[in-house]
Amino acid sequence: MIYSPKRGQERAWICSSTAFFLATVVISSSCSVVTYQRLSDNVEASPEDLNQVKVEDLELSHSDSVTLPKNTVEGLPEYSDITFTPIIGAIIPEFGSPRMMTNTGGILEGMRIALDVFENENRQFSKPQLVVIPGGDDIQGITEAIQNFTEVQVLGIVAPLQDRIMLEMSLKKDLSLPVISPISASFDSNSRSFISLVGVDPGASRMLARQAITSGLKTVAIVHSRDLKSTFEAEIFRAEFMELGGSILGKFEYPVGATFFEEELRAVEELQPDMLFLPVPGEDVELLAPQVTFFGLDSLGIRVFGTAGWIQEDILNAVDTRHTDGVVAA
């Protein structure tokens, strides 16, 4: 079983990144908060999270409509001489894994924070509207939800989606509205009408460094891909680990697309560190984890730590548990 430290920092990261994104979008609009339809009873996010966004059965009111001057915000459609009610849409899953539903609660909380920040800093505008509807767990349900949004003037949609749904959405070429998923995809899913945030959470690497030090692990070897995300996570961990008094015995990188890691793992074996940090993409975990076992690093008492790639659901299903047992990941 993979051990994952407490996810308070991950939750905070989701909230803050969602709030940042939503604040960026709503800066272009002005109207009052309205939520639309009730959340499904199957939503398992905590009551504290869901209560932050008031969900009622209300008709959208056009009494608060405003006229947006032409070209007010670069990149938006040219609304001129028309009255409209700009709205931010949100499609949430009706059910899913506990982690997915917890993340959904964090995203809703981030939206609430963004709307509050916008209202406080832009008193000349009314508070933007937020329309929340359940979208099911399949592409048809999501598509139908998007079509419902076309009946009102929605600027864009925030939708936390699982990888399978993300992939299908990214391949659709007839999306009537831009859809943004605030959950990072494990693949390049971005298209003209669909964007997933592929941000790197620095908190995860820092948390793992602290976890290692508090567990009495004082020396580490790092193996990572040369891709930007993996390199960034490795550097964040290195800096935090050293600041806390740990020693970096070696840092090895491999080219993107590599499939055989004997050179790097043999080098780690010679160093005999307390732990091995592997901030690698999920697709590399599928190849790398069995090789860590094959070259005997697990038998040397070297603890293995990893980042999000190690806890992707599809990767856990593909890799034999004997290659992931005991790994600490966040």
Foldseek 3Di string as FASTA:
>chain_A
DAAEPDCPLVLVVLLQLLLVVLLVVCVQFFFAEDEADDQAPQQDADPVLVVLRDHDHDDDDQPRWDQRAAPPDPPADGGHPDTAAEAEEEEEENHDDPVRSNSVSSSSNSNSVNQVVCCVVCVVGYRHYYYYDYQYQDLVSVQVVQVVCVVGRYQAYEYAHDQVNLQVVLPDPPRPHAYEYADAHLDQSDDPRYYYDNDARLVFLLVVLVVCVVVVFAEEEEEEEPDPNRVVSVVSNVVNNVVVRHYYQYYYYDYPPDQDCVVVLVVCVVSLGQEYEYAYRLVNCLRVLVVCVVVPVVVSNHQYEYEPSLVRPVSVVRHDVVSNPRYYYD
